[in-house]
């Protein structure tokens, strides 16, 4: 029975299509929620958008980067509330919508359209507050595939984070933007070996991969902060080049994080960390040890 349920879920995840939302946003009602401001209702987004943003946006003269979100199959954005809030707290304007079959990436492009239009709208709280040069896309499950497809079709996206994403290797092979692939060792809905690993291996852009120990398909509910931390660091590393890239090198933060395993990285300068130095050192130690053993055997 569990296998049948898993097959049905994966079928929905993989073959979902754009639901044809007609977006209309109410950008007048602002509420404060857990340290950030929010426009719209995550539980009832309707055909509009929900935006979460830092609490200093309304009084600051600076601009803010954007992170557009994509939901998993048949999941309301309210399921991801803690994760979205955590990313917004780190200085990002987070845009979500109610599309629950978002695989093709079109909803995330529409989220970018919306927030860019708000940036040009003199009556909007986001007027001239959006850094249009820095846009990241992140999502979970079918939403992870959405990020890949959105980045492949929308040049405004500068980096993506796919959480338990159901992208195909063919889709991932087209990527040209830095991509972080996150999965879980106990995710039996979107199997890492069938979807996430092949996507990482096929990706020709700078990319990293890690698996949460004992992580299931919905681990973002249990530990949203760890996902948010690495999402923001990945975005900052590539959208700002702020030094966060060191967290994604061998021997860096993610590689050494005891909650994660099977860290991999490629297509960027990721081999200058402790892990690489240790591996090189051990290689030469082993080589000289073998040479010494062969030498001593002659006497």
C-alpha atoms as a PDB file:
ATOM      1  CA  UNK A   1       0.000   0.000   0.000  1.00  0.00           C
ATOM      2  CA  UNK A   2       2.828   2.446   0.864  1.00  0.00           C
ATOM      3  CA  UNK A   3       4.427   1.792  -2.526  1.00  0.00           C
ATOM      4  CA  UNK A   4       1.121   2.445  -4.298  1.00  0.00           C
ATOM      5  CA  UNK A   5       0.622   5.715  -2.416  1.00  0.00           C
ATOM      6  CA  UNK A   6       4.193   6.783  -3.189  1.00  0.00           C
ATOM      7  CA  UNK A   7       3.736   6.002  -6.896  1.00  0.00           C
ATOM      8  CA  UNK A   8       0.504   8.018  -7.014  1.00  0.00           C
ATOM      9  CA  UNK A   9       2.118  10.972  -5.257  1.00  0.00           C
ATOM     10  CA  UNK A  10       5.148  10.930  -7.532  1.00  0.00           C
ATOM     11  CA  UNK A  11       2.883  10.727 -10.590  1.00  0.00           C
ATOM     12  CA  UNK A  12       1.052  13.850  -9.477  1.00  0.00           C
ATOM     13  CA  UNK A  13       4.334  15.590  -8.660  1.00  0.00           C
ATOM     14  CA  UNK A  14       5.940  14.788 -11.986  1.00  0.00           C
ATOM     15  CA  UNK A  15       3.079  15.312 -14.361  1.00  0.00           C
ATOM     16  CA  UNK A  16       1.382  18.324 -12.812  1.00  0.00           C
ATOM     17  CA  UNK A  17       0.886  21.278 -15.101  1.00  0.00           C
ATOM     18  CA  UNK A  18       0.304  24.984 -14.710  1.00  0.00           C
ATOM     19  CA  UNK A  19      -3.141  25.582 -13.264  1.00  0.00           C
ATOM     20  CA  UNK A  20      -3.831  28.744 -15.238  1.00  0.00           C
ATOM     21  CA  UNK A  21      -4.133  31.218 -12.383  1.00  0.00           C
ATOM     22  CA  UNK A  22      -5.188  34.741 -13.202  1.00  0.00           C
ATOM     23  CA  UNK A  23      -3.277  36.822 -10.726  1.00  0.00           C
ATOM     24  CA  UNK A  24      -4.686  39.838  -8.970  1.00  0.00           C
ATOM     25  CA  UNK A  25      -3.002  41.150  -5.864  1.00  0.00           C
ATOM     26  CA  UNK A  26      -4.249  43.232  -2.942  1.00  0.00           C
ATOM     27  CA  UNK A  27      -1.209  45.259  -1.902  1.00  0.00           C
ATOM     28  CA  UNK A  28      -2.992  47.494   0.582  1.00  0.00           C
ATOM     29  CA  UNK A  29      -3.452  45.337   3.685  1.00  0.00           C
ATOM     30  CA  UNK A  30      -0.203  44.908   5.589  1.00  0.00           C
ATOM     31  CA  UNK A  31       0.016  42.762   8.705  1.00  0.00           C
ATOM     32  CA  UNK A  32       2.920  42.052  11.029  1.00  0.00           C
ATOM     33  CA  UNK A  33       3.679  38.368  11.515  1.00  0.00           C
ATOM     34  CA  UNK A  34       6.511  36.823  13.510  1.00  0.00           C
ATOM     35  CA  UNK A  35       8.975  39.612  12.937  1.00  0.00           C
ATOM     36  CA  UNK A  36       8.207  40.321   9.277  1.00  0.00           C
ATOM     37  CA  UNK A  37       5.468  42.108   7.391  1.00  0.00           C
ATOM     38  CA  UNK A  38       3.038  40.256   5.163  1.00  0.00           C
ATOM     39  CA  UNK A  39       0.624  41.192   2.391  1.00  0.00           C
ATOM     40  CA  UNK A  40      -1.968  38.580   1.500  1.00  0.00           C
ATOM     41  CA  UNK A  41      -3.084  35.386   3.236  1.00  0.00           C
ATOM     42  CA  UNK A  42      -0.850  32.312   2.984  1.00  0.00           C
ATOM     43  CA  UNK A  43      -3.770  30.084   3.946  1.00  0.00           C
ATOM     44  CA  UNK A  44      -6.111  31.621   1.356  1.00  0.00           C
ATOM     45  CA  UNK A  45      -3.996  33.156  -1.394  1.00  0.00           C
ATOM     46  CA  UNK A  46      -6.775  32.869  -3.958  1.00  0.00           C
ATOM     47  CA  UNK A  47      -5.636  34.025  -7.377  1.00  0.00           C
ATOM     48  CA  UNK A  48      -3.266  36.609  -5.975  1.00  0.00           C
ATOM     49  CA  UNK A  49       0.156  36.787  -4.434  1.00  0.00           C
ATOM     50  CA  UNK A  50       1.419  36.733  -0.873  1.00  0.00           C
ATOM     51  CA  UNK A  51       4.496  38.799  -0.038  1.00  0.00           C
ATOM     52  CA  UNK A  52       6.590  38.632   3.118  1.00  0.00           C
ATOM     53  CA  UNK A  53       9.234  41.283   3.637  1.00  0.00           C
ATOM     54  CA  UNK A  54      11.663  42.619   6.286  1.00  0.00           C
ATOM     55  CA  UNK A  55      10.183  44.915   8.903  1.00  0.00           C
ATOM     56  CA  UNK A  56      12.563  47.764   8.029  1.00  0.00           C
ATOM     57  CA  UNK A  57      11.558  47.934   4.349  1.00  0.00           C
ATOM     58  CA  UNK A  58       9.007  50.712   4.805  1.00  0.00           C
ATOM     59  CA  UNK A  59      11.461  53.038   6.534  1.00  0.00           C
ATOM     60  CA  UNK A  60      14.669  52.158   4.697  1.00  0.00           C
ATOM     61  CA  UNK A  61      16.090  53.803   1.590  1.00  0.00           C
ATOM     62  CA  UNK A  62      17.815  50.636   0.361  1.00  0.00           C
ATOM     63  CA  UNK A  63      16.570  48.027  -2.085  1.00  0.00           C
ATOM     64  CA  UNK A  64      15.960  44.360  -1.249  1.00  0.00           C
ATOM     65  CA  UNK A  65      16.641  41.140  -3.168  1.00  0.00           C
ATOM     66  CA  UNK A  66      13.749  38.901  -4.188  1.00  0.00           C
ATOM     67  CA  UNK A  67      13.115  35.214  -3.484  1.00  0.00           C
ATOM     68  CA  UNK A  68      10.195  33.692  -5.399  1.00  0.00           C
ATOM     69  CA  UNK A  69       8.654  30.532  -3.957  1.00  0.00           C
ATOM     70  CA  UNK A  70       6.980  27.491  -5.584  1.00  0.00           C
ATOM     71  CA  UNK A  71       4.731  25.077  -3.650  1.00  0.00           C
ATOM     72  CA  UNK A  72       4.787  21.315  -3.685  1.00  0.00           C
ATOM     73  CA  UNK A  73       1.980  19.348  -5.299  1.00  0.00           C
ATOM     74  CA  UNK A  74      -1.448  20.339  -3.947  1.00  0.00           C
ATOM     75  CA  UNK A  75       0.188  22.186  -1.044  1.00  0.00           C
ATOM     76  CA  UNK A  76      -0.954  25.577   0.181  1.00  0.00           C
ATOM     77  CA  UNK A  77       1.786  28.148   0.743  1.00  0.00           C
ATOM     78  CA  UNK A  78       0.656  28.241   4.395  1.00  0.00           C
ATOM     79  CA  UNK A  79       2.387  24.871   4.829  1.00  0.00           C
ATOM     80  CA  UNK A  80       5.682  26.674   4.310  1.00  0.00           C
ATOM     81  CA  UNK A  81       4.983  29.657   6.562  1.00  0.00           C
ATOM     82  CA  UNK A  82       7.943  29.158   8.920  1.00  0.00           C
ATOM     83  CA  UNK A  83      10.383  28.666   6.051  1.00  0.00           C
ATOM     84  CA  UNK A  84       9.173  31.724   4.143  1.00  0.00           C
ATOM     85  CA  UNK A  85       9.258  33.905   7.245  1.00  0.00           C
ATOM     86  CA  UNK A  86      12.799  32.764   8.048  1.00  0.00           C
ATOM     87  CA  UNK A  87      14.018  33.757   4.576  1.00  0.00           C
ATOM     88  CA  UNK A  88      12.234  37.134   4.737  1.00  0.00           C
ATOM     89  CA  UNK A  89      13.858  37.845   8.098  1.00  0.00           C
ATOM     90  CA  UNK A  90      17.244  37.596   6.402  1.00  0.00           C
ATOM     91  CA  UNK A  91      16.469  40.579   4.200  1.00  0.00           C
ATOM     92  CA  UNK A  92      14.602  39.103   1.246  1.00  0.00           C
ATOM     93  CA  UNK A  93      11.272  40.058  -0.287  1.00  0.00           C
ATOM     94  CA  UNK A  94       9.610  36.642  -0.515  1.00  0.00           C
ATOM     95  CA  UNK A  95       6.819  36.218  -3.055  1.00  0.00           C
ATOM     96  CA  UNK A  96       4.484  33.194  -3.057  1.00  0.00           C
ATOM     97  CA  UNK A  97       1.207  32.269  -4.733  1.00  0.00           C
ATOM     98  CA  UNK A  98      -1.516  29.629  -4.579  1.00  0.00           C
ATOM     99  CA  UNK A  99      -0.448  27.539  -7.576  1.00  0.00           C
ATOM    100  CA  UNK A 100      -0.267  23.932  -6.367  1.00  0.00           C
ATOM    101  CA  UNK A 101       0.754  22.408  -9.713  1.00  0.00           C
ATOM    102  CA  UNK A 102       3.682  24.649 -10.523  1.00  0.00           C
ATOM    103  CA  UNK A 103       6.154  22.345 -12.258  1.00  0.00           C
ATOM    104  CA  UNK A 104       6.585  24.367 -15.446  1.00  0.00           C
ATOM    105  CA  UNK A 105       7.909  27.425 -13.596  1.00  0.00           C
ATOM    106  CA  UNK A 106       5.405  29.895 -15.074  1.00  0.00           C
ATOM    107  CA  UNK A 107       3.962  30.882 -11.687  1.00  0.00           C
ATOM    108  CA  UNK A 108       7.373  31.898 -10.387  1.00  0.00           C
ATOM    109  CA  UNK A 109       7.936  34.040 -13.470  1.00  0.00           C
ATOM    110  CA  UNK A 110       4.566  35.683 -12.785  1.00  0.00           C
ATOM    111  CA  UNK A 111       5.682  36.309  -9.188  1.00  0.00           C
ATOM    112  CA  UNK A 112       8.702  38.161 -10.579  1.00  0.00           C
ATOM    113  CA  UNK A 113       6.459  40.105 -12.979  1.00  0.00           C
ATOM    114  CA  UNK A 114       4.255  41.112 -10.065  1.00  0.00           C
ATOM    115  CA  UNK A 115       6.954  42.330  -7.687  1.00  0.00           C
ATOM    116  CA  UNK A 116       8.786  44.161 -10.493  1.00  0.00           C
ATOM    117  CA  UNK A 117       5.539  45.925 -11.394  1.00  0.00           C
ATOM    118  CA  UNK A 118       5.075  46.864  -7.727  1.00  0.00           C
ATOM    119  CA  UNK A 119       8.580  48.318  -7.756  1.00  0.00           C
ATOM    120  CA  UNK A 120       7.449  50.702 -10.501  1.00  0.00           C
ATOM    121  CA  UNK A 121       4.092  51.492  -8.857  1.00  0.00           C
ATOM    122  CA  UNK A 122       4.241  54.780  -6.946  1.00  0.00           C
ATOM    123  CA  UNK A 123       1.292  53.703  -4.799  1.00  0.00           C
ATOM    124  CA  UNK A 124       2.931  50.452  -3.695  1.00  0.00           C
ATOM    125  CA  UNK A 125       4.851  49.841  -0.476  1.00  0.00           C
ATOM    126  CA  UNK A 126       7.455  48.208  -2.737  1.00  0.00           C
ATOM    127  CA  UNK A 127       7.967  51.295  -4.895  1.00  0.00           C
ATOM    128  CA  UNK A 128      11.701  51.515  -5.701  1.00  0.00           C
ATOM    129  CA  UNK A 129      12.399  48.972  -2.935  1.00  0.00           C
ATOM    130  CA  UNK A 130      13.111  45.967  -5.163  1.00  0.00           C
ATOM    131  CA  UNK A 131      16.617  45.061  -6.276  1.00  0.00           C
ATOM    132  CA  UNK A 132      15.660  43.828  -9.730  1.00  0.00           C
ATOM    133  CA  UNK A 133      19.200  42.582 -10.381  1.00  0.00           C
ATOM    134  CA  UNK A 134      19.052  40.022  -7.572  1.00  0.00           C
ATOM    135  CA  UNK A 135      16.358  37.353  -7.844  1.00  0.00           C
ATOM    136  CA  UNK A 136      16.510  33.846  -6.398  1.00  0.00           C
ATOM    137  CA  UNK A 137      13.970  31.047  -6.865  1.00  0.00           C
ATOM    138  CA  UNK A 138      13.309  28.331  -4.319  1.00  0.00           C
ATOM    139  CA  UNK A 139      10.712  25.608  -3.931  1.00  0.00           C
ATOM    140  CA  UNK A 140       9.934  22.138  -2.632  1.00  0.00           C
ATOM    141  CA  UNK A 141       9.042  18.906  -4.455  1.00  0.00           C
ATOM    142  CA  UNK A 142       7.175  19.874  -7.647  1.00  0.00           C
ATOM    143  CA  UNK A 143       8.119  23.414  -6.628  1.00  0.00           C
ATOM    144  CA  UNK A 144      11.778  22.405  -6.824  1.00  0.00           C
ATOM    145  CA  UNK A 145      11.224  21.368 -10.429  1.00  0.00           C
ATOM    146  CA  UNK A 146       9.483  24.713 -10.949  1.00  0.00           C
ATOM    147  CA  UNK A 147      12.673  26.528  -9.916  1.00  0.00           C
ATOM    148  CA  UNK A 148      14.683  24.618 -12.500  1.00  0.00           C
ATOM    149  CA  UNK A 149      12.186  25.289 -15.282  1.00  0.00           C
ATOM    150  CA  UNK A 150      11.726  28.910 -14.262  1.00  0.00           C
ATOM    151  CA  UNK A 151      15.480  29.519 -14.335  1.00  0.00           C
ATOM    152  CA  UNK A 152      15.720  27.832 -17.731  1.00  0.00           C
ATOM    153  CA  UNK A 153      13.129  30.172 -19.235  1.00  0.00           C
ATOM    154  CA  UNK A 154      13.532  33.396 -17.247  1.00  0.00           C
ATOM    155  CA  UNK A 155      16.862  35.211 -17.368  1.00  0.00           C
ATOM    156  CA  UNK A 156      15.948  37.352 -14.360  1.00  0.00           C
ATOM    157  CA  UNK A 157      16.613  34.398 -12.019  1.00  0.00           C
ATOM    158  CA  UNK A 158      20.190  34.450 -10.742  1.00  0.00           C
ATOM    159  CA  UNK A 159      20.295  31.416  -8.410  1.00  0.00           C
ATOM    160  CA  UNK A 160      17.989  28.626  -7.265  1.00  0.00           C
ATOM    161  CA  UNK A 161      17.484  26.243  -4.351  1.00  0.00           C
ATOM    162  CA  UNK A 162      15.593  23.023  -5.070  1.00  0.00           C
ATOM    163  CA  UNK A 163      14.343  21.256  -1.929  1.00  0.00           C
ATOM    164  CA  UNK A 164      13.467  17.605  -2.585  1.00  0.00           C
ATOM    165  CA  UNK A 165      12.904  18.712  -6.149  1.00  0.00           C
ATOM    166  CA  UNK A 166      11.324  16.488  -8.782  1.00  0.00           C
ATOM    167  CA  UNK A 167      13.211  17.888 -11.747  1.00  0.00           C
ATOM    168  CA  UNK A 168      14.467  15.555 -14.457  1.00  0.00           C
ATOM    169  CA  UNK A 169      18.096  15.215 -15.441  1.00  0.00           C
ATOM    170  CA  UNK A 170      17.218  16.625 -18.855  1.00  0.00           C
ATOM    171  CA  UNK A 171      15.709  19.749 -17.293  1.00  0.00           C
ATOM    172  CA  UNK A 172      18.675  20.179 -14.954  1.00  0.00           C
ATOM    173  CA  UNK A 173      21.151  19.786 -17.831  1.00  0.00           C
ATOM    174  CA  UNK A 174      19.844  23.062 -19.279  1.00  0.00           C
ATOM    175  CA  UNK A 175      20.607  25.100 -16.163  1.00  0.00           C
ATOM    176  CA  UNK A 176      22.989  28.036 -16.440  1.00  0.00           C
ATOM    177  CA  UNK A 177      22.515  29.510 -12.946  1.00  0.00           C
ATOM    178  CA  UNK A 178      24.010  28.303  -9.637  1.00  0.00           C
ATOM    179  CA  UNK A 179      21.802  25.617  -8.110  1.00  0.00           C
ATOM    180  CA  UNK A 180      21.657  24.056  -4.652  1.00  0.00           C
ATOM    181  CA  UNK A 181      20.032  20.612  -4.561  1.00  0.00           C
ATOM    182  CA  UNK A 182      18.817  19.551  -1.094  1.00  0.00           C
ATOM    183  CA  UNK A 183      17.252  16.176  -0.294  1.00  0.00           C
ATOM    184  CA  UNK A 184      16.805  13.773   2.638  1.00  0.00           C
ATOM    185  CA  UNK A 185      18.140  10.287   3.310  1.00  0.00           C
ATOM    186  CA  UNK A 186      14.630   9.037   4.158  1.00  0.00           C
ATOM    187  CA  UNK A 187      12.639  10.788   1.445  1.00  0.00           C
ATOM    188  CA  UNK A 188      10.618   8.013  -0.195  1.00  0.00           C
ATOM    189  CA  UNK A 189       8.346  10.350  -2.159  1.00  0.00           C
ATOM    190  CA  UNK A 190      10.926  11.971  -4.425  1.00  0.00           C
ATOM    191  CA  UNK A 191      13.801   9.523  -4.208  1.00  0.00           C
ATOM    192  CA  UNK A 192      17.199  11.174  -4.272  1.00  0.00           C
ATOM    193  CA  UNK A 193      18.642   8.370  -6.377  1.00  0.00           C
ATOM    194  CA  UNK A 194      15.923   8.763  -9.008  1.00  0.00           C
ATOM    195  CA  UNK A 195      15.534  12.538  -9.191  1.00  0.00           C
ATOM    196  CA  UNK A 196      17.794  14.759  -7.091  1.00  0.00           C
ATOM    197  CA  UNK A 197      21.126  13.019  -7.685  1.00  0.00           C
ATOM    198  CA  UNK A 198      20.602  12.654 -11.458  1.00  0.00           C
ATOM    199  CA  UNK A 199      19.662  16.344 -11.613  1.00  0.00           C
ATOM    200  CA  UNK A 200      22.841  17.299  -9.761  1.00  0.00           C
ATOM    201  CA  UNK A 201      24.975  15.064 -11.960  1.00  0.00           C
ATOM    202  CA  UNK A 202      23.421  16.472 -15.146  1.00  0.00           C
ATOM    203  CA  UNK A 203      23.745  20.110 -14.078  1.00  0.00           C
ATOM    204  CA  UNK A 204      26.461  21.998 -15.975  1.00  0.00           C
ATOM    205  CA  UNK A 205      26.148  25.174 -13.898  1.00  0.00           C
ATOM    206  CA  UNK A 206      27.822  25.721 -10.519  1.00  0.00           C
ATOM    207  CA  UNK A 207      25.947  23.432  -8.143  1.00  0.00           C
ATOM    208  CA  UNK A 208      26.045  21.716  -4.766  1.00  0.00           C
ATOM    209  CA  UNK A 209      24.200  18.764  -3.263  1.00  0.00           C
ATOM    210  CA  UNK A 210      23.508  17.601   0.303  1.00  0.00           C
ATOM    211  CA  UNK A 211      21.147  15.203   2.045  1.00  0.00           C
ATOM    212  CA  UNK A 212      19.586  15.827   5.447  1.00  0.00           C
ATOM    213  CA  UNK A 213      20.232  12.878   7.744  1.00  0.00           C
ATOM    214  CA  UNK A 214      16.948  11.014   8.333  1.00  0.00           C
ATOM    215  CA  UNK A 215      15.275  13.763   6.329  1.00  0.00           C
ATOM    216  CA  UNK A 216      11.858  12.980   4.857  1.00  0.00           C
ATOM    217  CA  UNK A 217       9.939  14.731   2.109  1.00  0.00           C
ATOM    218  CA  UNK A 218       8.428  17.207   4.567  1.00  0.00           C
ATOM    219  CA  UNK A 219      11.418  17.851   6.832  1.00  0.00           C
ATOM    220  CA  UNK A 220      11.069  21.569   6.103  1.00  0.00           C
ATOM    221  CA  UNK A 221       8.176  21.446   8.613  1.00  0.00           C
ATOM    222  CA  UNK A 222      10.424  20.123  11.375  1.00  0.00           C
ATOM    223  CA  UNK A 223      13.523  22.207  10.749  1.00  0.00           C
ATOM    224  CA  UNK A 224      12.628  25.195   8.550  1.00  0.00           C
ATOM    225  CA  UNK A 225      15.510  27.265   9.874  1.00  0.00           C
ATOM    226  CA  UNK A 226      18.248  24.969   8.560  1.00  0.00           C
ATOM    227  CA  UNK A 227      16.690  25.078   5.083  1.00  0.00           C
ATOM    228  CA  UNK A 228      16.296  28.850   5.309  1.00  0.00           C
ATOM    229  CA  UNK A 229      19.900  29.342   6.461  1.00  0.00           C
ATOM    230  CA  UNK A 230      21.409  27.475   3.534  1.00  0.00           C
ATOM    231  CA  UNK A 231      18.920  28.971   1.076  1.00  0.00           C
ATOM    232  CA  UNK A 232      19.905  32.502   2.080  1.00  0.00           C
ATOM    233  CA  UNK A 233      23.616  31.695   2.116  1.00  0.00           C
ATOM    234  CA  UNK A 234      23.386  30.168  -1.346  1.00  0.00           C
ATOM    235  CA  UNK A 235      21.522  33.196  -2.676  1.00  0.00           C
ATOM    236  CA  UNK A 236      23.947  35.608  -1.005  1.00  0.00           C
ATOM    237  CA  UNK A 237      26.922  33.670  -2.338  1.00  0.00           C
ATOM    238  CA  UNK A 238      25.864  34.055  -5.958  1.00  0.00           C
ATOM    239  CA  UNK A 239      23.622  37.128  -6.031  1.00  0.00           C
ATOM    240  CA  UNK A 240      25.973  39.233  -3.906  1.00  0.00           C
ATOM    241  CA  UNK A 241      29.295  37.366  -4.032  1.00  0.00           C
ATOM    242  CA  UNK A 242      29.499  38.199  -0.313  1.00  0.00           C
ATOM    243  CA  UNK A 243      31.814  35.406   0.802  1.00  0.00           C
ATOM    244  CA  UNK A 244      29.035  32.960   1.678  1.00  0.00           C
ATOM    245  CA  UNK A 245      30.336  30.693  -1.065  1.00  0.00           C
ATOM    246  CA  UNK A 246      32.858  29.303   1.439  1.00  0.00           C
ATOM    247  CA  UNK A 247      29.932  27.550   3.165  1.00  0.00           C
ATOM    248  CA  UNK A 248      29.546  25.397   0.046  1.00  0.00           C
ATOM    249  CA  UNK A 249      33.131  24.311  -0.436  1.00  0.00           C
ATOM    250  CA  UNK A 250      34.570  20.975   0.604  1.00  0.00           C
ATOM    251  CA  UNK A 251      35.452  21.419   4.252  1.00  0.00           C
ATOM    252  CA  UNK A 252      33.002  24.317   4.483  1.00  0.00           C
ATOM    253  CA  UNK A 253      29.962  24.774   6.680  1.00  0.00           C
ATOM    254  CA  UNK A 254      27.527  22.497   4.863  1.00  0.00           C
ATOM    255  CA  UNK A 255      30.118  19.765   4.345  1.00  0.00           C
ATOM    256  CA  UNK A 256      30.938  19.765   8.071  1.00  0.00           C
ATOM    257  CA  UNK A 257      27.345  20.190   9.308  1.00  0.00           C
ATOM    258  CA  UNK A 258      26.597  17.011  11.279  1.00  0.00           C
ATOM    259  CA  UNK A 259      22.909  17.218  10.337  1.00  0.00           C
ATOM    260  CA  UNK A 260      23.747  16.759   6.644  1.00  0.00           C
ATOM    261  CA  UNK A 261      25.591  14.104   4.677  1.00  0.00           C
ATOM    262  CA  UNK A 262      26.873  13.266   1.189  1.00  0.00           C
ATOM    263  CA  UNK A 263      27.904  16.833   0.377  1.00  0.00           C
ATOM    264  CA  UNK A 264      29.059  17.345  -3.202  1.00  0.00           C
ATOM    265  CA  UNK A 265      29.910  20.363  -5.295  1.00  0.00           C
ATOM    266  CA  UNK A 266      31.155  21.044  -8.815  1.00  0.00           C
ATOM    267  CA  UNK A 267      31.629  23.611 -11.574  1.00  0.00           C
ATOM    268  CA  UNK A 268      33.053  26.304  -9.290  1.00  0.00           C
ATOM    269  CA  UNK A 269      36.053  26.783  -7.031  1.00  0.00           C
ATOM    270  CA  UNK A 270      34.822  24.399  -4.349  1.00  0.00           C
ATOM    271  CA  UNK A 271      38.019  22.456  -3.583  1.00  0.00           C
ATOM    272  CA  UNK A 272      39.958  24.786  -1.331  1.00  0.00           C
ATOM    273  CA  UNK A 273      38.488  23.743   1.986  1.00  0.00           C
ATOM    274  CA  UNK A 274      39.826  21.523   4.751  1.00  0.00           C
ATOM    275  CA  UNK A 275      38.171  18.450   3.265  1.00  0.00           C
ATOM    276  CA  UNK A 276      40.222  18.799   0.100  1.00  0.00           C
ATOM    277  CA  UNK A 277      43.453  19.492   1.967  1.00  0.00           C
ATOM    278  CA  UNK A 278      42.887  16.484   4.215  1.00  0.00           C
ATOM    279  CA  UNK A 279      42.101  14.256   1.260  1.00  0.00           C
ATOM    280  CA  UNK A 280      45.259  15.355  -0.557  1.00  0.00           C
ATOM    281  CA  UNK A 281      47.369  14.897   2.561  1.00  0.00           C
ATOM    282  CA  UNK A 282      45.951  11.419   3.168  1.00  0.00           C
ATOM    283  CA  UNK A 283      46.593  10.463  -0.448  1.00  0.00           C
ATOM    284  CA  UNK A 284      50.303  11.274  -0.173  1.00  0.00           C
ATOM    285  CA  UNK A 285      50.578   9.660   3.265  1.00  0.00           C
ATOM    286  CA  UNK A 286      49.076   6.448   1.915  1.00  0.00           C
ATOM    287  CA  UNK A 287      51.259   6.562  -1.195  1.00  0.00           C
ATOM    288  CA  UNK A 288      54.488   7.035   0.769  1.00  0.00           C
ATOM    289  CA  UNK A 289      53.389   4.392   3.256  1.00  0.00           C
ATOM    290  CA  UNK A 290      53.008   1.878   0.434  1.00  0.00           C
ATOM    291  CA  UNK A 291      56.359   2.858  -1.073  1.00  0.00           C
ATOM    292  CA  UNK A 292      58.023   2.518   2.322  1.00  0.00           C
ATOM    293  CA  UNK A 293      56.419  -0.891   2.859  1.00  0.00           C
ATOM    294  CA  UNK A 294      57.626  -2.124  -0.524  1.00  0.00           C
ATOM    295  CA  UNK A 295      61.090  -0.763   0.206  1.00  0.00           C
ATOM    296  CA  UNK A 296      61.374  -2.436   3.618  1.00  0.00           C
ATOM    297  CA  UNK A 297      60.169  -5.748   2.189  1.00  0.00           C
ATOM    298  CA  UNK A 298      63.333  -5.875   0.090  1.00  0.00           C
ATOM    299  CA  UNK A 299      65.498  -6.079   3.219  1.00  0.00           C
END
